[in-house]
Amino acid sequence: MSTMSYRTAKRVSKSCAKIDMQKLNTAVSYLKIDPNLPNRQLRNLLMDAVQDEHMDSQLLCNFKRRACICNVKNPDLTELTFNKG
């Protein structure tokens, strides 16, 4: 996960403990398999991972874009972590 994505996720959730990295990894893996995953399905995955009540279409669009960039830059990445960089 890039530093910017990590900071955004941390700011939105107010606590790193609120982010379920296993479910976030699942969402990114699904987007690696199907980059055109419908927002309805992606929203459900992210609601479980981040536990944020307000997820609009812009947040989902940004997440898809960042996940795509992450998947292109790191094609062999198997797991996201809280490590910066």
PDB file of N, CA and C in Angstrom:
ATOM      1  N   MET A   1       0.859  -1.165   0.000  1.00  0.00           N
ATOM      2  CA  MET A   1       0.000   0.000   0.000  1.00  0.00           C
ATOM      3  C   MET A   1       0.902   1.223   0.000  1.00  0.00           C
ATOM      4  N   SER A   2       0.599   2.170  -0.840  1.00  0.00           N
ATOM      5  CA  SER A   2       1.431   3.358  -0.907  1.00  0.00           C
ATOM      6  C   SER A   2       1.245   4.200   0.353  1.00  0.00           C
ATOM      7  N   THR A   3       2.199   5.081   0.591  1.00  0.00           N
ATOM      8  CA  THR A   3       2.143   5.937   1.773  1.00  0.00           C
ATOM      9  C   THR A   3       0.902   6.811   1.746  1.00  0.00           C
ATOM     10  N   MET A   4       0.552   7.351   0.578  1.00  0.00           N
ATOM     11  CA  MET A   4      -0.621   8.214   0.477  1.00  0.00           C
ATOM     12  C   MET A   4      -1.901   7.428   0.775  1.00  0.00           C
ATOM     13  N   SER A   5      -2.005   6.219   0.249  1.00  0.00           N
ATOM     14  CA  SER A   5      -3.187   5.393   0.500  1.00  0.00           C
ATOM     15  C   SER A   5      -3.288   5.022   1.973  1.00  0.00           C
ATOM     16  N   TYR A   6      -2.138   4.714   2.567  1.00  0.00           N
ATOM     17  CA  TYR A   6      -2.112   4.368   3.989  1.00  0.00           C
ATOM     18  C   TYR A   6      -2.568   5.553   4.832  1.00  0.00           C
ATOM     19  N   ARG A   7      -2.049   6.734   4.540  1.00  0.00           N
ATOM     20  CA  ARG A   7      -2.439   7.927   5.306  1.00  0.00           C
ATOM     21  C   ARG A   7      -3.917   8.238   5.140  1.00  0.00           C
ATOM     22  N   THR A   8      -4.434   8.072   3.928  1.00  0.00           N
ATOM     23  CA  THR A   8      -5.858   8.323   3.689  1.00  0.00           C
ATOM     24  C   THR A   8      -6.709   7.333   4.469  1.00  0.00           C
ATOM     25  N   ALA A   9      -6.360   6.070   4.417  1.00  0.00           N
ATOM     26  CA  ALA A   9      -7.120   5.051   5.148  1.00  0.00           C
ATOM     27  C   ALA A   9      -7.056   5.302   6.648  1.00  0.00           C
ATOM     28  N   LYS A  10      -5.878   5.696   7.128  1.00  0.00           N
ATOM     29  CA  LYS A  10      -5.706   5.970   8.555  1.00  0.00           C
ATOM     30  C   LYS A  10      -6.533   7.184   8.971  1.00  0.00           C
ATOM     31  N   ARG A  11      -6.537   8.235   8.152  1.00  0.00           N
ATOM     32  CA  ARG A  11      -7.274   9.451   8.476  1.00  0.00           C
ATOM     33  C   ARG A  11      -8.776   9.194   8.476  1.00  0.00           C
ATOM     34  N   VAL A  12      -9.237   8.448   7.501  1.00  0.00           N
ATOM     35  CA  VAL A  12     -10.673   8.182   7.390  1.00  0.00           C
ATOM     36  C   VAL A  12     -11.150   7.317   8.546  1.00  0.00           C
ATOM     37  N   SER A  13     -10.382   6.346   8.938  1.00  0.00           N
ATOM     38  CA  SER A  13     -10.840   5.418   9.965  1.00  0.00           C
ATOM     39  C   SER A  13     -10.539   5.903  11.375  1.00  0.00           C
ATOM     40  N   LYS A  14      -9.665   6.882  11.522  1.00  0.00           N
ATOM     41  CA  LYS A  14      -9.281   7.451  12.816  1.00  0.00           C
ATOM     42  C   LYS A  14      -8.430   6.512  13.662  1.00  0.00           C
ATOM     43  N   SER A  15      -8.236   5.282  13.225  1.00  0.00           N
ATOM     44  CA  SER A  15      -7.426   4.343  13.985  1.00  0.00           C
ATOM     45  C   SER A  15      -6.995   3.192  13.087  1.00  0.00           C
ATOM     46  N   CYS A  16      -5.724   2.821  13.175  1.00  0.00           N
ATOM     47  CA  CYS A  16      -5.230   1.681  12.388  1.00  0.00           C
ATOM     48  C   CYS A  16      -5.899   0.390  12.835  1.00  0.00           C
ATOM     49  N   ALA A  17      -6.303   0.332  14.097  1.00  0.00           N
ATOM     50  CA  ALA A  17      -6.934  -0.881  14.611  1.00  0.00           C
ATOM     51  C   ALA A  17      -8.279  -1.132  13.940  1.00  0.00           C
ATOM     52  N   LYS A  18      -8.896  -0.107  13.353  1.00  0.00           N
ATOM     53  CA  LYS A  18     -10.192  -0.257  12.712  1.00  0.00           C
ATOM     54  C   LYS A  18     -10.085  -0.803  11.294  1.00  0.00           C
ATOM     55  N   ILE A  19      -8.882  -0.882  10.740  1.00  0.00           N
ATOM     56  CA  ILE A  19      -8.701  -1.376   9.376  1.00  0.00           C
ATOM     57  C   ILE A  19      -8.384  -2.864   9.422  1.00  0.00           C
ATOM     58  N   ASP A  20      -9.227  -3.667   8.794  1.00  0.00           N
ATOM     59  CA  ASP A  20      -9.009  -5.107   8.719  1.00  0.00           C
ATOM     60  C   ASP A  20      -8.199  -5.381   7.443  1.00  0.00           C
ATOM     61  N   MET A  21      -6.906  -5.587   7.606  1.00  0.00           N
ATOM     62  CA  MET A  21      -6.018  -5.730   6.459  1.00  0.00           C
ATOM     63  C   MET A  21      -6.334  -6.985   5.636  1.00  0.00           C
ATOM     64  N   GLN A  22      -6.806  -8.033   6.273  1.00  0.00           N
ATOM     65  CA  GLN A  22      -7.130  -9.250   5.523  1.00  0.00           C
ATOM     66  C   GLN A  22      -8.269  -8.979   4.538  1.00  0.00           C
ATOM     67  N   LYS A  23      -9.283  -8.256   4.966  1.00  0.00           N
ATOM     68  CA  LYS A  23     -10.404  -7.946   4.085  1.00  0.00           C
ATOM     69  C   LYS A  23     -10.011  -6.918   3.033  1.00  0.00           C
ATOM     70  N   LEU A  24      -9.108  -6.000   3.394  1.00  0.00           N
ATOM     71  CA  LEU A  24      -8.603  -5.038   2.418  1.00  0.00           C
ATOM     72  C   LEU A  24      -7.778  -5.752   1.353  1.00  0.00           C
ATOM     73  N   ASN A  25      -6.985  -6.726   1.762  1.00  0.00           N
ATOM     74  CA  ASN A  25      -6.233  -7.551   0.804  1.00  0.00           C
ATOM     75  C   ASN A  25      -7.176  -8.287  -0.138  1.00  0.00           C
ATOM     76  N   THR A  26      -8.283  -8.773   0.399  1.00  0.00           N
ATOM     77  CA  THR A  26      -9.268  -9.468  -0.423  1.00  0.00           C
ATOM     78  C   THR A  26      -9.839  -8.535  -1.481  1.00  0.00           C
ATOM     79  N   ALA A  27     -10.168  -7.313  -1.081  1.00  0.00           N
ATOM     80  CA  ALA A  27     -10.721  -6.337  -2.029  1.00  0.00           C
ATOM     81  C   ALA A  27      -9.723  -6.026  -3.145  1.00  0.00           C
ATOM     82  N   VAL A  28      -8.456  -5.828  -2.776  1.00  0.00           N
ATOM     83  CA  VAL A  28      -7.433  -5.527  -3.783  1.00  0.00           C
ATOM     84  C   VAL A  28      -7.216  -6.734  -4.695  1.00  0.00           C
ATOM     85  N   SER A  29      -7.275  -7.924  -4.135  1.00  0.00           N
ATOM     86  CA  SER A  29      -7.125  -9.137  -4.954  1.00  0.00           C
ATOM     87  C   SER A  29      -8.279  -9.278  -5.945  1.00  0.00           C
ATOM     88  N   TYR A  30      -9.496  -8.985  -5.495  1.00  0.00           N
ATOM     89  CA  TYR A  30     -10.639  -9.031  -6.404  1.00  0.00           C
ATOM     90  C   TYR A  30     -10.476  -8.027  -7.531  1.00  0.00           C
ATOM     91  N   LEU A  31      -9.954  -6.849  -7.198  1.00  0.00           N
ATOM     92  CA  LEU A  31      -9.752  -5.837  -8.234  1.00  0.00           C
ATOM     93  C   LEU A  31      -8.613  -6.222  -9.176  1.00  0.00           C
ATOM     94  N   LYS A  32      -7.678  -7.029  -8.700  1.00  0.00           N
ATOM     95  CA  LYS A  32      -6.614  -7.516  -9.577  1.00  0.00           C
ATOM     96  C   LYS A  32      -7.203  -8.493 -10.595  1.00  0.00           C
ATOM     97  N   ILE A  33      -8.138  -9.326 -10.144  1.00  0.00           N
ATOM     98  CA  ILE A  33      -8.778 -10.298 -11.027  1.00  0.00           C
ATOM     99  C   ILE A  33      -9.764  -9.611 -11.965  1.00  0.00           C
ATOM    100  N   ASP A  34     -10.580  -8.712 -11.414  1.00  0.00           N
ATOM    101  CA  ASP A  34     -11.611  -8.034 -12.203  1.00  0.00           C
ATOM    102  C   ASP A  34     -11.582  -6.537 -11.895  1.00  0.00           C
ATOM    103  N   PRO A  35     -10.830  -5.752 -12.668  1.00  0.00           N
ATOM    104  CA  PRO A  35     -10.746  -4.307 -12.411  1.00  0.00           C
ATOM    105  C   PRO A  35     -12.084  -3.582 -12.571  1.00  0.00           C
ATOM    106  N   ASN A  36     -13.043  -4.205 -13.243  1.00  0.00           N
ATOM    107  CA  ASN A  36     -14.362  -3.597 -13.427  1.00  0.00           C
ATOM    108  C   ASN A  36     -15.385  -4.146 -12.447  1.00  0.00           C
ATOM    109  N   LEU A  37     -14.924  -4.524 -11.262  1.00  0.00           N
ATOM    110  CA  LEU A  37     -15.818  -5.034 -10.229  1.00  0.00           C
ATOM    111  C   LEU A  37     -16.886  -3.989  -9.917  1.00  0.00           C
ATOM    112  N   PRO A  38     -18.154  -4.392  -9.897  1.00  0.00           N
ATOM    113  CA  PRO A  38     -19.217  -3.418  -9.628  1.00  0.00           C
ATOM    114  C   PRO A  38     -19.056  -2.754  -8.257  1.00  0.00           C
ATOM    115  N   ASN A  39     -19.405  -1.478  -8.201  1.00  0.00           N
ATOM    116  CA  ASN A  39     -19.261  -0.718  -6.957  1.00  0.00           C
ATOM    117  C   ASN A  39     -20.067  -1.325  -5.820  1.00  0.00           C
ATOM    118  N   ARG A  40     -21.191  -1.914  -6.121  1.00  0.00           N
ATOM    119  CA  ARG A  40     -22.022  -2.523  -5.071  1.00  0.00           C
ATOM    120  C   ARG A  40     -21.249  -3.610  -4.333  1.00  0.00           C
ATOM    121  N   GLN A  41     -20.536  -4.449  -5.076  1.00  0.00           N
ATOM    122  CA  GLN A  41     -19.752  -5.514  -4.451  1.00  0.00           C
ATOM    123  C   GLN A  41     -18.521  -4.962  -3.750  1.00  0.00           C
ATOM    124  N   LEU A  42     -17.866  -4.000  -4.380  1.00  0.00           N
ATOM    125  CA  LEU A  42     -16.684  -3.399  -3.772  1.00  0.00           C
ATOM    126  C   LEU A  42     -17.050  -2.669  -2.480  1.00  0.00           C
ATOM    127  N   ARG A  43     -18.159  -1.971  -2.483  1.00  0.00           N
ATOM    128  CA  ARG A  43     -18.597  -1.249  -1.280  1.00  0.00           C
ATOM    129  C   ARG A  43     -18.786  -2.218  -0.113  1.00  0.00           C
ATOM    130  N   ASN A  44     -19.388  -3.374  -0.374  1.00  0.00           N
ATOM    131  CA  ASN A  44     -19.583  -4.358   0.694  1.00  0.00           C
ATOM    132  C   ASN A  44     -18.256  -4.862   1.239  1.00  0.00           C
ATOM    133  N   LEU A  45     -17.303  -5.104   0.353  1.00  0.00           N
ATOM    134  CA  LEU A  45     -15.983  -5.558   0.803  1.00  0.00           C
ATOM    135  C   LEU A  45     -15.289  -4.492   1.649  1.00  0.00           C
ATOM    136  N   LEU A  46     -15.356  -3.251   1.195  1.00  0.00           N
ATOM    137  CA  LEU A  46     -14.671  -2.176   1.919  1.00  0.00           C
ATOM    138  C   LEU A  46     -15.376  -1.804   3.217  1.00  0.00           C
ATOM    139  N   MET A  47     -16.700  -1.916   3.252  1.00  0.00           N
ATOM    140  CA  MET A  47     -17.426  -1.628   4.498  1.00  0.00           C
ATOM    141  C   MET A  47     -16.975  -2.587   5.597  1.00  0.00           C
ATOM    142  N   ASP A  48     -16.723  -3.851   5.228  1.00  0.00           N
ATOM    143  CA  ASP A  48     -16.236  -4.822   6.206  1.00  0.00           C
ATOM    144  C   ASP A  48     -14.797  -4.509   6.627  1.00  0.00           C
ATOM    145  N   ALA A  49     -13.991  -4.007   5.694  1.00  0.00           N
ATOM    146  CA  ALA A  49     -12.574  -3.760   5.975  1.00  0.00           C
ATOM    147  C   ALA A  49     -12.342  -2.478   6.775  1.00  0.00           C
ATOM    148  N   VAL A  50     -13.028  -1.407   6.409  1.00  0.00           N
ATOM    149  CA  VAL A  50     -12.744  -0.091   6.997  1.00  0.00           C
ATOM    150  C   VAL A  50     -13.778   0.316   8.037  1.00  0.00           C
ATOM    151  N   GLN A  51     -14.959  -0.234   7.977  1.00  0.00           N
ATOM    152  CA  GLN A  51     -16.048   0.081   8.905  1.00  0.00           C
ATOM    153  C   GLN A  51     -16.374   1.562   8.899  1.00  0.00           C
ATOM    154  N   ASP A  52     -16.506   2.102   7.707  1.00  0.00           N
ATOM    155  CA  ASP A  52     -16.862   3.506   7.538  1.00  0.00           C
ATOM    156  C   ASP A  52     -18.291   3.563   7.028  1.00  0.00           C
ATOM    157  N   GLU A  53     -19.122   4.373   7.662  1.00  0.00           N
ATOM    158  CA  GLU A  53     -20.527   4.442   7.282  1.00  0.00           C
ATOM    159  C   GLU A  53     -20.749   5.180   5.968  1.00  0.00           C
ATOM    160  N   HIS A  54     -19.886   6.121   5.628  1.00  0.00           N
ATOM    161  CA  HIS A  54     -20.098   6.950   4.451  1.00  0.00           C
ATOM    162  C   HIS A  54     -19.088   6.594   3.367  1.00  0.00           C
ATOM    163  N   MET A  55     -19.535   5.834   2.375  1.00  0.00           N
ATOM    164  CA  MET A  55     -18.686   5.492   1.231  1.00  0.00           C
ATOM    165  C   MET A  55     -19.411   5.931  -0.029  1.00  0.00           C
ATOM    166  N   ASP A  56     -18.959   7.027  -0.593  1.00  0.00           N
ATOM    167  CA  ASP A  56     -19.594   7.513  -1.811  1.00  0.00           C
ATOM    168  C   ASP A  56     -18.881   6.966  -3.040  1.00  0.00           C
ATOM    169  N   SER A  57     -19.416   7.277  -4.189  1.00  0.00           N
ATOM    170  CA  SER A  57     -18.862   6.758  -5.439  1.00  0.00           C
ATOM    171  C   SER A  57     -17.456   7.288  -5.706  1.00  0.00           C
ATOM    172  N   GLN A  58     -17.155   8.491  -5.243  1.00  0.00           N
ATOM    173  CA  GLN A  58     -15.815   9.057  -5.446  1.00  0.00           C
ATOM    174  C   GLN A  58     -14.768   8.276  -4.652  1.00  0.00           C
ATOM    175  N   LEU A  59     -15.098   7.876  -3.434  1.00  0.00           N
ATOM    176  CA  LEU A  59     -14.176   7.073  -2.637  1.00  0.00           C
ATOM    177  C   LEU A  59     -13.920   5.735  -3.318  1.00  0.00           C
ATOM    178  N   LEU A  60     -14.972   5.116  -3.834  1.00  0.00           N
ATOM    179  CA  LEU A  60     -14.819   3.835  -4.525  1.00  0.00           C
ATOM    180  C   LEU A  60     -13.989   3.988  -5.798  1.00  0.00           C
ATOM    181  N   CYS A  61     -14.225   5.067  -6.523  1.00  0.00           N
ATOM    182  CA  CYS A  61     -13.458   5.336  -7.745  1.00  0.00           C
ATOM    183  C   CYS A  61     -11.978   5.525  -7.417  1.00  0.00           C
ATOM    184  N   ASN A  62     -11.695   6.283  -6.375  1.00  0.00           N
ATOM    185  CA  ASN A  62     -10.305   6.503  -5.957  1.00  0.00           C
ATOM    186  C   ASN A  62      -9.659   5.209  -5.490  1.00  0.00           C
ATOM    187  N   PHE A  63     -10.395   4.393  -4.751  1.00  0.00           N
ATOM    188  CA  PHE A  63      -9.849   3.119  -4.286  1.00  0.00           C
ATOM    189  C   PHE A  63      -9.524   2.215  -5.465  1.00  0.00           C
ATOM    190  N   LYS A  64     -10.437   2.152  -6.441  1.00  0.00           N
ATOM    191  CA  LYS A  64     -10.186   1.340  -7.637  1.00  0.00           C
ATOM    192  C   LYS A  64      -8.939   1.815  -8.370  1.00  0.00           C
ATOM    193  N   ARG A  65      -8.811   3.143  -8.508  1.00  0.00           N
ATOM    194  CA  ARG A  65      -7.663   3.707  -9.202  1.00  0.00           C
ATOM    195  C   ARG A  65      -6.362   3.378  -8.463  1.00  0.00           C
ATOM    196  N   ARG A  66      -6.362   3.541  -7.153  1.00  0.00           N
ATOM    197  CA  ARG A  66      -5.152   3.270  -6.373  1.00  0.00           C
ATOM    198  C   ARG A  66      -4.826   1.784  -6.349  1.00  0.00           C
ATOM    199  N   ALA A  67      -5.848   0.945  -6.285  1.00  0.00           N
ATOM    200  CA  ALA A  67      -5.614  -0.503  -6.320  1.00  0.00           C
ATOM    201  C   ALA A  67      -5.037  -0.914  -7.671  1.00  0.00           C
ATOM    202  N   CYS A  68      -5.523  -0.308  -8.735  1.00  0.00           N
ATOM    203  CA  CYS A  68      -5.005  -0.595 -10.080  1.00  0.00           C
ATOM    204  C   CYS A  68      -3.541  -0.187 -10.180  1.00  0.00           C
ATOM    205  N   ILE A  69      -3.219   0.989  -9.686  1.00  0.00           N
ATOM    206  CA  ILE A  69      -1.823   1.454  -9.700  1.00  0.00           C
ATOM    207  C   ILE A  69      -0.956   0.515  -8.879  1.00  0.00           C
ATOM    208  N   CYS A  70      -1.437   0.122  -7.714  1.00  0.00           N
ATOM    209  CA  CYS A  70      -0.696  -0.801  -6.856  1.00  0.00           C
ATOM    210  C   CYS A  70      -0.478  -2.137  -7.559  1.00  0.00           C
ATOM    211  N   ASN A  71      -1.506  -2.652  -8.226  1.00  0.00           N
ATOM    212  CA  ASN A  71      -1.397  -3.938  -8.920  1.00  0.00           C
ATOM    213  C   ASN A  71      -0.469  -3.861 -10.127  1.00  0.00           C
ATOM    214  N   VAL A  72      -0.422  -2.718 -10.803  1.00  0.00           N
ATOM    215  CA  VAL A  72       0.465  -2.562 -11.958  1.00  0.00           C
ATOM    216  C   VAL A  72       1.919  -2.409 -11.510  1.00  0.00           C
ATOM    217  N   LYS A  73       2.143  -1.612 -10.479  1.00  0.00           N
ATOM    218  CA  LYS A  73       3.512  -1.385 -10.011  1.00  0.00           C
ATOM    219  C   LYS A  73       4.091  -2.602  -9.295  1.00  0.00           C
ATOM    220  N   ASN A  74       3.224  -3.387  -8.654  1.00  0.00           N
ATOM    221  CA  ASN A  74       3.671  -4.553  -7.890  1.00  0.00           C
ATOM    222  C   ASN A  74       2.866  -5.785  -8.302  1.00  0.00           C
ATOM    223  N   PRO A  75       3.109  -6.334  -9.491  1.00  0.00           N
ATOM    224  CA  PRO A  75       2.284  -7.444  -9.970  1.00  0.00           C
ATOM    225  C   PRO A  75       2.411  -8.712  -9.130  1.00  0.00           C
ATOM    226  N   ASP A  76       3.521  -8.869  -8.423  1.00  0.00           N
ATOM    227  CA  ASP A  76       3.710 -10.073  -7.617  1.00  0.00           C
ATOM    228  C   ASP A  76       3.389  -9.850  -6.143  1.00  0.00           C
ATOM    229  N   LEU A  77       2.804  -8.712  -5.812  1.00  0.00           N
ATOM    230  CA  LEU A  77       2.433  -8.409  -4.430  1.00  0.00           C
ATOM    231  C   LEU A  77       1.312  -9.335  -3.992  1.00  0.00           C
ATOM    232  N   THR A  78       1.516 -10.019  -2.863  1.00  0.00           N
ATOM    233  CA  THR A  78       0.508 -10.962  -2.395  1.00  0.00           C
ATOM    234  C   THR A  78      -0.252 -10.466  -1.184  1.00  0.00           C
ATOM    235  N   GLU A  79       0.352  -9.535  -0.419  1.00  0.00           N
ATOM    236  CA  GLU A  79      -0.310  -9.082   0.797  1.00  0.00           C
ATOM    237  C   GLU A  79       0.056  -7.648   1.104  1.00  0.00           C
ATOM    238  N   LEU A  80      -0.944  -6.853   1.448  1.00  0.00           N
ATOM    239  CA  LEU A  80      -0.722  -5.476   1.872  1.00  0.00           C
ATOM    240  C   LEU A  80      -0.393  -5.454   3.352  1.00  0.00           C
ATOM    241  N   THR A  81       0.428  -4.493   3.742  1.00  0.00           N
ATOM    242  CA  THR A  81       0.769  -4.334   5.154  1.00  0.00           C
ATOM    243  C   THR A  81       0.668  -2.861   5.514  1.00  0.00           C
ATOM    244  N   PHE A  82       0.837  -2.557   6.794  1.00  0.00           N
ATOM    245  CA  PHE A  82       0.817  -1.179   7.257  1.00  0.00           C
ATOM    246  C   PHE A  82       2.169  -0.491   7.045  1.00  0.00           C
ATOM    247  N   ASN A  83       3.153  -1.203   6.517  1.00  0.00           N
ATOM    248  CA  ASN A  83       4.470  -0.609   6.297  1.00  0.00           C
ATOM    249  C   ASN A  83       4.370   0.537   5.311  1.00  0.00           C
ATOM    250  N   LYS A  84       5.111   1.600   5.587  1.00  0.00           N
ATOM    251  CA  LYS A  84       5.126   2.743   4.678  1.00  0.00           C
ATOM    252  C   LYS A  84       5.996   2.415   3.482  1.00  0.00           C
ATOM    253  N   GLY A  85       5.587   2.956   2.312  1.00  0.00           N
ATOM    254  CA  GLY A  85       6.399   2.775   1.119  1.00  0.00           C
ATOM    255  C   GLY A  85       5.814   1.869   0.114  1.00  0.00           C
TER     256      GLY A  85
END
